Amino acid sequence: DRKVRRGARHSAGEFSFIYAGNPGDEGKAMNFSGYHAGVYGFIHPVAK
């Protein structure tokens, strides 16, 4: 309704923390930010 939703604890829309994969090397589940979100999601693997 043309307003930005904040949520009960001001974290609505924090898409970085969406589950995005099975546990990584340290046994922790991958979130979208750590796995595939920002530009480093393609810059780092291309450089490598």
All heavy atoms as atom14 arrays in JSON, in Angstrom:
{
  "sequence": "DRKVRRGARHSAGEFSFIYAGNPGDEGKAMNFSGYHAGVYGFIHPVAK",
  "atom14_mask": [
    [1, 1, 1, 1, 1, 1, 1, 1, 0, 0, 0, 0, 0, 0],
    [1, 1, 1, 1, 1, 1, 1, 1, 1, 1, 1, 0, 0, 0],
    [1, 1, 1, 1, 1, 1, 1, 1, 1, 0, 0, 0, 0, 0],
    [1, 1, 1, 1, 1, 1, 1, 0, 0, 0, 0, 0, 0, 0],
    [1, 1, 1, 1, 1, 1, 1, 1, 1, 1, 1, 0, 0, 0],
    [1, 1, 1, 1, 1, 1, 1, 1, 1, 1, 1, 0, 0, 0],
    [1, 1, 1, 1, 0, 0, 0, 0, 0, 0, 0, 0, 0, 0],
    [1, 1, 1, 1, 1, 0, 0, 0, 0, 0, 0, 0, 0, 0],
    [1, 1, 1, 1, 1, 1, 1, 1, 1, 1, 1, 0, 0, 0],
    [1, 1, 1, 1, 1, 1, 1, 1, 1, 1, 0, 0, 0, 0],
    [1, 1, 1, 1, 1, 1, 0, 0, 0, 0, 0, 0, 0, 0],
    [1, 1, 1, 1, 1, 0, 0, 0, 0, 0, 0, 0, 0, 0],
    [1, 1, 1, 1, 0, 0, 0, 0, 0, 0, 0, 0, 0, 0],
    [1, 1, 1, 1, 1, 1, 1, 1, 1, 0, 0, 0, 0, 0],
    [1, 1, 1, 1, 1, 1, 1, 1, 1, 1, 1, 0, 0, 0],
    [1, 1, 1, 1, 1, 1, 0, 0, 0, 0, 0, 0, 0, 0],
    [1, 1, 1, 1, 1, 1, 1, 1, 1, 1, 1, 0, 0, 0],
    [1, 1, 1, 1, 1, 1, 1, 1, 0, 0, 0, 0, 0, 0],
    [1, 1, 1, 1, 1, 1, 1, 1, 1, 1, 1, 1, 0, 0],
    [1, 1, 1, 1, 1, 0, 0, 0, 0, 0, 0, 0, 0, 0],
    [1, 1, 1, 1, 0, 0, 0, 0, 0, 0, 0, 0, 0, 0],
    [1, 1, 1, 1, 1, 1, 1, 1, 0, 0, 0, 0, 0, 0],
    [1, 1, 1, 1, 1, 1, 1, 0, 0, 0, 0, 0, 0, 0],
    [1, 1, 1, 1, 0, 0, 0, 0, 0, 0, 0, 0, 0, 0],
    [1, 1, 1, 1, 1, 1, 1, 1, 0, 0, 0, 0, 0, 0],
    [1, 1, 1, 1, 1, 1, 1, 1, 1, 0, 0, 0, 0, 0],
    [1, 1, 1, 1, 0, 0, 0, 0, 0, 0, 0, 0, 0, 0],
    [1, 1, 1, 1, 1, 1, 1, 1, 1, 0, 0, 0, 0, 0],
    [1, 1, 1, 1, 1, 0, 0, 0, 0, 0, 0, 0, 0, 0],
    [1, 1, 1, 1, 1, 1, 1, 1, 0, 0, 0, 0, 0, 0],
    [1, 1, 1, 1, 1, 1, 1, 1, 0, 0, 0, 0, 0, 0],
    [1, 1, 1, 1, 1, 1, 1, 1, 1, 1, 1, 0, 0, 0],
    [1, 1, 1, 1, 1, 1, 0, 0, 0, 0, 0, 0, 0, 0],
    [1, 1, 1, 1, 0, 0, 0, 0, 0, 0, 0, 0, 0, 0],
    [1, 1, 1, 1, 1, 1, 1, 1, 1, 1, 1, 1, 0, 0],
    [1, 1, 1, 1, 1, 1, 1, 1, 1, 1, 0, 0, 0, 0],
    [1, 1, 1, 1, 1, 0, 0, 0, 0, 0, 0, 0, 0, 0],
    [1, 1, 1, 1, 0, 0, 0, 0, 0, 0, 0, 0, 0, 0],
    [1, 1, 1, 1, 1, 1, 1, 0, 0, 0, 0, 0, 0, 0],
    [1, 1, 1, 1, 1, 1, 1, 1, 1, 1, 1, 1, 0, 0],
    [1, 1, 1, 1, 0, 0, 0, 0, 0, 0, 0, 0, 0, 0],
    [1, 1, 1, 1, 1, 1, 1, 1, 1, 1, 1, 0, 0, 0],
    [1, 1, 1, 1, 1, 1, 1, 1, 0, 0, 0, 0, 0, 0],
    [1, 1, 1, 1, 1, 1, 1, 1, 1, 1, 0, 0, 0, 0],
    [1, 1, 1, 1, 1, 1, 1, 0, 0, 0, 0, 0, 0, 0],
    [1, 1, 1, 1, 1, 1, 1, 0, 0, 0, 0, 0, 0, 0],
    [1, 1, 1, 1, 1, 0, 0, 0, 0, 0, 0, 0, 0, 0],
    [1, 1, 1, 1, 1, 1, 1, 1, 1, 0, 0, 0, 0, 0]
  ],
  "atom14_positions": [
    [[0.83, -1.21, 0.0], [0.0, 0.0, 0.0], [0.86, 1.26, 0.0], [0.62, 2.21, 0.73], [-0.96, 0.02, 1.2], [-1.98, -1.1, 1.14], [-2.3, -1.54, 0.01], [-2.43, -1.55, 2.21], [0.0, 0.0, 0.0], [0.0, 0.0, 0.0], [0.0, 0.0, 0.0], [0.0, 0.0, 0.0], [0.0, 0.0, 0.0], [0.0, 0.0, 0.0]],
    [[1.93, 1.22, -0.81], [2.84, 2.36, -1.01], [3.58, 2.76, 0.26], [4.02, 3.9, 0.42], [2.09, 3.57, -1.58], [1.61, 3.35, -3.01], [0.99, 4.58, -3.63], [1.74, 5.8, -3.41], [2.86, 6.13, -4.04], [3.38, 5.3, -4.95], [3.47, 7.26, -3.79], [0.0, 0.0, 0.0], [0.0, 0.0, 0.0], [0.0, 0.0, 0.0]],
    [[3.74, 1.82, 1.17], [4.56, 2.06, 2.36], [5.55, 0.91, 2.52], [5.22, -0.24, 2.24], [3.68, 2.17, 3.61], [2.79, 3.39, 3.62], [1.97, 3.45, 4.9], [1.06, 4.68, 4.91], [0.23, 4.75, 6.14], [0.0, 0.0, 0.0], [0.0, 0.0, 0.0], [0.0, 0.0, 0.0], [0.0, 0.0, 0.0], [0.0, 0.0, 0.0]],
    [[6.74, 1.24, 2.98], [7.75, 0.22, 3.22], [7.43, -0.48, 4.53], [7.27, 0.16, 5.58], [9.16, 0.84, 3.29], [10.19, -0.21, 3.66], [9.52, 1.48, 1.96], [0.0, 0.0, 0.0], [0.0, 0.0, 0.0], [0.0, 0.0, 0.0], [0.0, 0.0, 0.0], [0.0, 0.0, 0.0], [0.0, 0.0, 0.0], [0.0, 0.0, 0.0]],
    [[7.31, -1.8, 4.47], [6.99, -2.59, 5.65], [8.25, -2.82, 6.47], [9.29, -3.22, 5.95], [6.39, -3.94, 5.27], [5.17, -3.84, 4.37], [4.09, -2.97, 4.96], [3.58, -3.49, 6.22], [2.69, -2.87, 6.97], [2.24, -1.67, 6.62], [2.27, -3.42, 8.09], [0.0, 0.0, 0.0], [0.0, 0.0, 0.0], [0.0, 0.0, 0.0]],
    [[8.15, -2.62, 7.78], [9.32, -2.74, 8.65], [9.34, -4.07, 9.39], [10.4, -4.57, 9.74], [9.35, -1.58, 9.65], [9.12, -0.22, 9.01], [9.7, 0.88, 9.85], [11.15, 0.88, 9.79], [11.85, 1.45, 8.83], [11.24, 2.05, 7.81], [13.17, 1.41, 8.84], [0.0, 0.0, 0.0], [0.0, 0.0, 0.0], [0.0, 0.0, 0.0]],
    [[8.15, -4.63, 9.66], [8.08, -5.84, 10.45], [8.08, -5.53, 11.93], [8.34, -4.4, 12.36], [0.0, 0.0, 0.0], [0.0, 0.0, 0.0], [0.0, 0.0, 0.0], [0.0, 0.0, 0.0], [0.0, 0.0, 0.0], [0.0, 0.0, 0.0], [0.0, 0.0, 0.0], [0.0, 0.0, 0.0], [0.0, 0.0, 0.0], [0.0, 0.0, 0.0]],
    [[7.81, -6.55, 12.74], [7.71, -6.36, 14.18], [9.05, -5.96, 14.79], [9.1, -5.3, 15.83], [7.21, -7.65, 14.85], [0.0, 0.0, 0.0], [0.0, 0.0, 0.0], [0.0, 0.0, 0.0], [0.0, 0.0, 0.0], [0.0, 0.0, 0.0], [0.0, 0.0, 0.0], [0.0, 0.0, 0.0], [0.0, 0.0, 0.0], [0.0, 0.0, 0.0]],
    [[10.16, -6.36, 14.15], [11.49, -6.09, 14.7], [12.39, -5.4, 13.68], [13.6, -5.54, 13.7], [12.13, -7.4, 15.19], [11.34, -8.07, 16.31], [11.84, -9.47, 16.59], [10.99, -10.14, 17.58], [9.85, -10.76, 17.29], [9.42, -10.81, 16.03], [9.12, -11.31, 18.23], [0.0, 0.0, 0.0], [0.0, 0.0, 0.0], [0.0, 0.0, 0.0]],
    [[11.78, -4.68, 12.74], [12.51, -3.85, 11.76], [13.35, -4.68, 10.79], [14.3, -4.14, 10.19], [13.41, -2.83, 12.47], [12.68, -1.94, 13.42], [11.89, -0.89, 13.01], [12.57, -1.99, 14.78], [11.36, -0.3, 14.07], [11.74, -0.95, 15.15], [0.0, 0.0, 0.0], [0.0, 0.0, 0.0], [0.0, 0.0, 0.0], [0.0, 0.0, 0.0]],
    [[13.04, -5.95, 10.6], [13.87, -6.77, 9.7], [13.11, -7.29, 8.48], [13.64, -8.13, 7.76], [14.48, -7.95, 10.48], [13.47, -8.76, 11.03], [0.0, 0.0, 0.0], [0.0, 0.0, 0.0], [0.0, 0.0, 0.0], [0.0, 0.0, 0.0], [0.0, 0.0, 0.0], [0.0, 0.0, 0.0], [0.0, 0.0, 0.0], [0.0, 0.0, 0.0]],
    [[11.89, -6.8, 8.24], [11.17, -7.21, 7.03], [11.97, -6.82, 5.8], [12.49, -5.71, 5.71], [9.79, -6.56, 7.0], [0.0, 0.0, 0.0], [0.0, 0.0, 0.0], [0.0, 0.0, 0.0], [0.0, 0.0, 0.0], [0.0, 0.0, 0.0], [0.0, 0.0, 0.0], [0.0, 0.0, 0.0], [0.0, 0.0, 0.0], [0.0, 0.0, 0.0]],
    [[12.07, -7.75, 4.85], [12.79, -7.47, 3.6], [14.27, -7.77, 3.64], [14.98, -7.49, 2.67], [0.0, 0.0, 0.0], [0.0, 0.0, 0.0], [0.0, 0.0, 0.0], [0.0, 0.0, 0.0], [0.0, 0.0, 0.0], [0.0, 0.0, 0.0], [0.0, 0.0, 0.0], [0.0, 0.0, 0.0], [0.0, 0.0, 0.0], [0.0, 0.0, 0.0]],
    [[14.76, -8.34, 4.74], [16.18, -8.68, 4.8], [16.43, -9.99, 4.02], [16.67, -11.05, 4.59], [16.64, -8.81, 6.25], [16.69, -7.49, 7.0], [17.79, -6.57, 6.51], [18.77, -7.06, 5.92], [17.66, -5.35, 6.69], [0.0, 0.0, 0.0], [0.0, 0.0, 0.0], [0.0, 0.0, 0.0], [0.0, 0.0, 0.0], [0.0, 0.0, 0.0]],
    [[16.37, -9.88, 2.7], [16.47, -11.06, 1.84], [17.84, -11.74, 1.92], [17.99, -12.9, 1.54], [16.18, -10.69, 0.39], [14.87, -10.0, 0.19], [14.75, -8.97, -0.73], [13.75, -10.35, 0.92], [13.54, -8.32, -0.93], [12.53, -9.71, 0.74], [12.43, -8.68, -0.18], [0.0, 0.0, 0.0], [0.0, 0.0, 0.0], [0.0, 0.0, 0.0]],
    [[18.83, -11.04, 2.41], [20.17, -11.63, 2.54], [20.15, -12.91, 3.37], [21.0, -13.78, 3.19], [21.13, -10.64, 3.2], [21.4, -9.56, 2.35], [0.0, 0.0, 0.0], [0.0, 0.0, 0.0], [0.0, 0.0, 0.0], [0.0, 0.0, 0.0], [0.0, 0.0, 0.0], [0.0, 0.0, 0.0], [0.0, 0.0, 0.0], [0.0, 0.0, 0.0]],
    [[19.18, -13.01, 4.28], [19.19, -14.13, 5.22], [18.24, -15.26, 4.83], [17.99, -16.17, 5.6], [18.86, -13.62, 6.63], [19.81, -12.53, 7.06], [19.38, -11.23, 7.23], [21.16, -12.81, 7.25], [20.26, -10.22, 7.6], [22.05, -11.81, 7.62], [21.6, -10.52, 7.8], [0.0, 0.0, 0.0], [0.0, 0.0, 0.0], [0.0, 0.0, 0.0]],
    [[17.73, -15.21, 3.6], [16.93, -16.32, 3.08], [17.82, -17.56, 2.96], [18.95, -17.49, 2.51], [16.34, -15.97, 1.7], [15.31, -14.85, 1.82], [15.71, -17.19, 1.04], [14.79, -14.33, 0.49], [0.0, 0.0, 0.0], [0.0, 0.0, 0.0], [0.0, 0.0, 0.0], [0.0, 0.0, 0.0], [0.0, 0.0, 0.0], [0.0, 0.0, 0.0]],
    [[17.28, -18.7, 3.37], [18.02, -19.96, 3.24], [18.32, -20.23, 1.78], [17.47, -20.11, 0.91], [17.19, -21.11, 3.83], [17.81, -22.48, 3.62], [18.88, -22.89, 4.4], [17.34, -23.33, 2.64], [19.45, -24.13, 4.21], [17.9, -24.57, 2.44], [18.96, -24.98, 3.23], [19.53, -26.21, 3.04], [0.0, 0.0, 0.0], [0.0, 0.0, 0.0]],
    [[19.55, -20.61, 1.48], [19.95, -20.76, 0.07], [20.79, -22.0, -0.2], [21.38, -22.12, -1.27], [20.73, -19.52, -0.38], [0.0, 0.0, 0.0], [0.0, 0.0, 0.0], [0.0, 0.0, 0.0], [0.0, 0.0, 0.0], [0.0, 0.0, 0.0], [0.0, 0.0, 0.0], [0.0, 0.0, 0.0], [0.0, 0.0, 0.0], [0.0, 0.0, 0.0]],
    [[20.88, -22.94, 0.72], [21.66, -24.12, 0.41], [21.97, -24.96, 1.62], [21.69, -24.58, 2.77], [0.0, 0.0, 0.0], [0.0, 0.0, 0.0], [0.0, 0.0, 0.0], [0.0, 0.0, 0.0], [0.0, 0.0, 0.0], [0.0, 0.0, 0.0], [0.0, 0.0, 0.0], [0.0, 0.0, 0.0], [0.0, 0.0, 0.0], [0.0, 0.0, 0.0]],
    [[22.55, -26.12, 1.37], [22.93, -27.04, 2.44], [24.1, -26.5, 3.24], [24.8, -25.58, 2.79], [23.28, -28.4, 1.84], [22.07, -29.07, 1.22], [20.96, -28.94, 1.72], [22.27, -29.77, 0.12], [0.0, 0.0, 0.0], [0.0, 0.0, 0.0], [0.0, 0.0, 0.0], [0.0, 0.0, 0.0], [0.0, 0.0, 0.0], [0.0, 0.0, 0.0]],
    [[24.37, -27.07, 4.41], [25.48, -26.58, 5.22], [26.8, -26.56, 4.46], [27.09, -27.45, 3.66], [25.53, -27.59, 6.38], [24.12, -28.06, 6.5], [23.6, -28.11, 5.09], [0.0, 0.0, 0.0], [0.0, 0.0, 0.0], [0.0, 0.0, 0.0], [0.0, 0.0, 0.0], [0.0, 0.0, 0.0], [0.0, 0.0, 0.0], [0.0, 0.0, 0.0]],
    [[27.58, -25.52, 4.68], [28.87, -25.4, 4.03], [29.96, -26.12, 4.79], [29.71, -27.01, 5.6], [0.0, 0.0, 0.0], [0.0, 0.0, 0.0], [0.0, 0.0, 0.0], [0.0, 0.0, 0.0], [0.0, 0.0, 0.0], [0.0, 0.0, 0.0], [0.0, 0.0, 0.0], [0.0, 0.0, 0.0], [0.0, 0.0, 0.0], [0.0, 0.0, 0.0]],
    [[31.18, -25.7, 4.55], [32.34, -26.39, 5.12], [32.33, -26.39, 6.64], [32.81, -27.33, 7.27], [33.64, -25.73, 4.62], [33.81, -25.91, 3.12], [33.21, -26.86, 2.57], [34.53, -25.11, 2.51], [0.0, 0.0, 0.0], [0.0, 0.0, 0.0], [0.0, 0.0, 0.0], [0.0, 0.0, 0.0], [0.0, 0.0, 0.0], [0.0, 0.0, 0.0]],
    [[31.77, -25.34, 7.24], [31.76, -25.24, 8.69], [30.46, -25.8, 9.3], [30.21, -25.65, 10.48], [31.95, -23.78, 9.11], [33.3, -23.2, 8.68], [33.45, -21.77, 9.1], [32.52, -21.23, 9.72], [34.5, -21.17, 8.81], [0.0, 0.0, 0.0], [0.0, 0.0, 0.0], [0.0, 0.0, 0.0], [0.0, 0.0, 0.0], [0.0, 0.0, 0.0]],
    [[29.66, -26.45, 8.47], [28.43, -27.04, 8.97], [27.29, -26.07, 9.15], [26.26, -26.42, 9.71], [0.0, 0.0, 0.0], [0.0, 0.0, 0.0], [0.0, 0.0, 0.0], [0.0, 0.0, 0.0], [0.0, 0.0, 0.0], [0.0, 0.0, 0.0], [0.0, 0.0, 0.0], [0.0, 0.0, 0.0], [0.0, 0.0, 0.0], [0.0, 0.0, 0.0]],
    [[27.45, -24.84, 8.66], [26.4, -23.83, 8.8], [25.59, -23.74, 7.5], [26.16, -23.8, 6.41], [27.0, -22.47, 9.13], [27.71, -22.42, 10.47], [28.27, -21.03, 10.75], [28.96, -20.99, 12.09], [29.54, -19.64, 12.37], [0.0, 0.0, 0.0], [0.0, 0.0, 0.0], [0.0, 0.0, 0.0], [0.0, 0.0, 0.0], [0.0, 0.0, 0.0]],
    [[24.28, -23.58, 7.64], [23.44, -23.42, 6.45], [23.82, -22.13, 5.73], [24.16, -21.13, 6.35], [21.97, -23.39, 6.86], [0.0, 0.0, 0.0], [0.0, 0.0, 0.0], [0.0, 0.0, 0.0], [0.0, 0.0, 0.0], [0.0, 0.0, 0.0], [0.0, 0.0, 0.0], [0.0, 0.0, 0.0], [0.0, 0.0, 0.0], [0.0, 0.0, 0.0]],
    [[23.76, -22.16, 4.41], [24.12, -21.0, 3.61], [22.93, -20.07, 3.47], [21.82, -20.51, 3.18], [24.59, -21.45, 2.23], [25.81, -22.34, 2.23], [27.29, -21.48, 2.83], [27.58, -20.38, 1.44], [0.0, 0.0, 0.0], [0.0, 0.0, 0.0], [0.0, 0.0, 0.0], [0.0, 0.0, 0.0], [0.0, 0.0, 0.0], [0.0, 0.0, 0.0]],
    [[23.14, -18.78, 3.69], [22.08, -17.83, 3.4], [22.36, -17.18, 2.04], [23.43, -17.33, 1.47], [21.95, -16.77, 4.51], [23.2, -15.96, 4.72], [23.84, -15.53, 3.77], [23.57, -15.74, 5.97], [0.0, 0.0, 0.0], [0.0, 0.0, 0.0], [0.0, 0.0, 0.0], [0.0, 0.0, 0.0], [0.0, 0.0, 0.0], [0.0, 0.0, 0.0]],
    [[21.35, -16.45, 1.55], [21.44, -15.9, 0.21], [22.61, -14.95, 0.07], [23.31, -14.92, -0.94], [20.13, -15.2, -0.12], [19.94, -14.88, -1.58], [20.49, -15.67, -2.57], [19.17, -13.79, -1.95], [20.3, -15.37, -3.91], [18.98, -13.48, -3.28], [19.54, -14.27, -4.27], [0.0, 0.0, 0.0], [0.0, 0.0, 0.0], [0.0, 0.0, 0.0]],
    [[22.85, -14.14, 1.09], [23.95, -13.19, 1.04], [25.3, -13.88, 0.95], [26.16, -13.5, 0.17], [23.91, -12.27, 2.27], [24.96, -11.35, 2.24], [0.0, 0.0, 0.0], [0.0, 0.0, 0.0], [0.0, 0.0, 0.0], [0.0, 0.0, 0.0], [0.0, 0.0, 0.0], [0.0, 0.0, 0.0], [0.0, 0.0, 0.0], [0.0, 0.0, 0.0]],
    [[25.48, -14.93, 1.76], [26.76, -15.61, 1.78], [27.0, -16.49, 0.58], [28.13, -16.87, 0.27], [0.0, 0.0, 0.0], [0.0, 0.0, 0.0], [0.0, 0.0, 0.0], [0.0, 0.0, 0.0], [0.0, 0.0, 0.0], [0.0, 0.0, 0.0], [0.0, 0.0, 0.0], [0.0, 0.0, 0.0], [0.0, 0.0, 0.0], [0.0, 0.0, 0.0]],
    [[25.92, -16.8, -0.14], [26.04, -17.77, -1.22], [25.98, -17.14, -2.6], [26.75, -17.48, -3.49], [24.92, -18.8, -1.07], [24.81, -19.81, -2.2], [25.83, -20.72, -2.44], [23.69, -19.84, -3.01], [25.73, -21.65, -3.46], [23.58, -20.75, -4.04], [24.6, -21.66, -4.26], [24.49, -22.56, -5.28], [0.0, 0.0, 0.0], [0.0, 0.0, 0.0]],
    [[25.04, -16.2, -2.78], [24.76, -15.84, -4.16], [24.19, -14.43, -4.35], [23.59, -14.16, -5.39], [23.74, -16.85, -4.71], [24.0, -17.22, -6.14], [24.86, -18.21, -6.51], [23.53, -16.7, -7.28], [24.9, -18.31, -7.82], [24.09, -17.4, -8.31], [0.0, 0.0, 0.0], [0.0, 0.0, 0.0], [0.0, 0.0, 0.0], [0.0, 0.0, 0.0]],
    [[24.33, -13.57, -3.37], [23.49, -12.38, -3.43], [24.11, -11.21, -4.18], [23.67, -10.85, -5.26], [23.13, -11.95, -2.02], [0.0, 0.0, 0.0], [0.0, 0.0, 0.0], [0.0, 0.0, 0.0], [0.0, 0.0, 0.0], [0.0, 0.0, 0.0], [0.0, 0.0, 0.0], [0.0, 0.0, 0.0], [0.0, 0.0, 0.0], [0.0, 0.0, 0.0]],
    [[25.14, -10.57, -3.62], [25.68, -9.36, -4.2], [26.59, -9.62, -5.38], [26.72, -10.74, -5.87], [0.0, 0.0, 0.0], [0.0, 0.0, 0.0], [0.0, 0.0, 0.0], [0.0, 0.0, 0.0], [0.0, 0.0, 0.0], [0.0, 0.0, 0.0], [0.0, 0.0, 0.0], [0.0, 0.0, 0.0], [0.0, 0.0, 0.0], [0.0, 0.0, 0.0]],
    [[27.24, -8.55, -5.84], [28.08, -8.68, -7.03], [29.27, -9.62, -6.81], [29.79, -10.19, -7.76], [28.6, -7.3, -7.49], [27.45, -6.43, -7.96], [29.37, -6.59, -6.38], [0.0, 0.0, 0.0], [0.0, 0.0, 0.0], [0.0, 0.0, 0.0], [0.0, 0.0, 0.0], [0.0, 0.0, 0.0], [0.0, 0.0, 0.0], [0.0, 0.0, 0.0]],
    [[29.66, -9.8, -5.54], [30.77, -10.73, -5.3], [30.35, -12.18, -5.53], [31.19, -13.06, -5.6], [31.32, -10.54, -3.89], [32.14, -9.27, -3.78], [31.62, -8.13, -3.15], [33.41, -9.18, -4.35], [32.35, -6.96, -3.09], [34.14, -8.01, -4.3], [33.61, -6.91, -3.66], [34.33, -5.74, -3.62], [0.0, 0.0, 0.0], [0.0, 0.0, 0.0]],
    [[29.04, -12.39, -5.69], [28.57, -13.73, -6.03], [29.0, -14.17, -7.4], [28.98, -15.37, -7.7], [0.0, 0.0, 0.0], [0.0, 0.0, 0.0], [0.0, 0.0, 0.0], [0.0, 0.0, 0.0], [0.0, 0.0, 0.0], [0.0, 0.0, 0.0], [0.0, 0.0, 0.0], [0.0, 0.0, 0.0], [0.0, 0.0, 0.0], [0.0, 0.0, 0.0]],
    [[29.4, -13.22, -8.26], [29.98, -13.62, -9.55], [31.39, -13.06, -9.77], [32.18, -13.65, -10.49], [29.06, -13.22, -10.72], [28.7, -11.76, -10.8], [29.52, -10.85, -11.42], [27.5, -11.32, -10.26], [29.18, -9.51, -11.52], [27.13, -9.97, -10.34], [27.97, -9.07, -10.97], [0.0, 0.0, 0.0], [0.0, 0.0, 0.0], [0.0, 0.0, 0.0]],
    [[31.74, -11.95, -9.11], [33.09, -11.41, -9.29], [34.13, -12.37, -8.74], [35.13, -12.68, -9.41], [33.22, -10.03, -8.61], [32.42, -8.98, -9.4], [34.69, -9.61, -8.52], [32.44, -7.6, -8.78], [0.0, 0.0, 0.0], [0.0, 0.0, 0.0], [0.0, 0.0, 0.0], [0.0, 0.0, 0.0], [0.0, 0.0, 0.0], [0.0, 0.0, 0.0]],
    [[33.91, -12.86, -7.52], [34.89, -13.74, -6.9], [35.1, -15.03, -7.69], [36.25, -15.4, -7.98], [34.49, -14.04, -5.46], [35.5, -14.87, -4.72], [35.43, -16.24, -4.65], [36.62, -14.51, -4.04], [36.45, -16.7, -3.96], [37.19, -15.67, -3.57], [0.0, 0.0, 0.0], [0.0, 0.0, 0.0], [0.0, 0.0, 0.0], [0.0, 0.0, 0.0]],
    [[34.04, -15.77, -8.08], [34.27, -17.0, -8.84], [34.88, -16.77, -10.22], [35.64, -17.61, -10.7], [32.88, -17.64, -8.94], [31.91, -16.59, -8.56], [32.62, -15.63, -7.68], [0.0, 0.0, 0.0], [0.0, 0.0, 0.0], [0.0, 0.0, 0.0], [0.0, 0.0, 0.0], [0.0, 0.0, 0.0], [0.0, 0.0, 0.0], [0.0, 0.0, 0.0]],
    [[34.56, -15.63, -10.86], [35.18, -15.34, -12.16], [36.68, -15.1, -11.98], [37.51, -15.63, -12.74], [34.51, -14.14, -12.85], [35.33, -13.69, -14.06], [33.09, -14.5, -13.3], [0.0, 0.0, 0.0], [0.0, 0.0, 0.0], [0.0, 0.0, 0.0], [0.0, 0.0, 0.0], [0.0, 0.0, 0.0], [0.0, 0.0, 0.0], [0.0, 0.0, 0.0]],
    [[37.04, -14.3, -10.98], [38.45, -14.04, -10.71], [39.2, -15.33, -10.41], [40.3, -15.56, -10.91], [38.59, -13.05, -9.55], [0.0, 0.0, 0.0], [0.0, 0.0, 0.0], [0.0, 0.0, 0.0], [0.0, 0.0, 0.0], [0.0, 0.0, 0.0], [0.0, 0.0, 0.0], [0.0, 0.0, 0.0], [0.0, 0.0, 0.0], [0.0, 0.0, 0.0]],
    [[38.58, -16.2, -9.61], [39.21, -17.47, -9.25], [39.38, -18.37, -10.48], [40.44, -18.96, -10.69], [38.36, -18.18, -8.2], [38.98, -19.47, -7.67], [38.11, -20.06, -6.57], [38.72, -21.37, -6.05], [37.87, -21.95, -4.97], [0.0, 0.0, 0.0], [0.0, 0.0, 0.0], [0.0, 0.0, 0.0], [0.0, 0.0, 0.0], [0.0, 0.0, 0.0]]
  ]
}
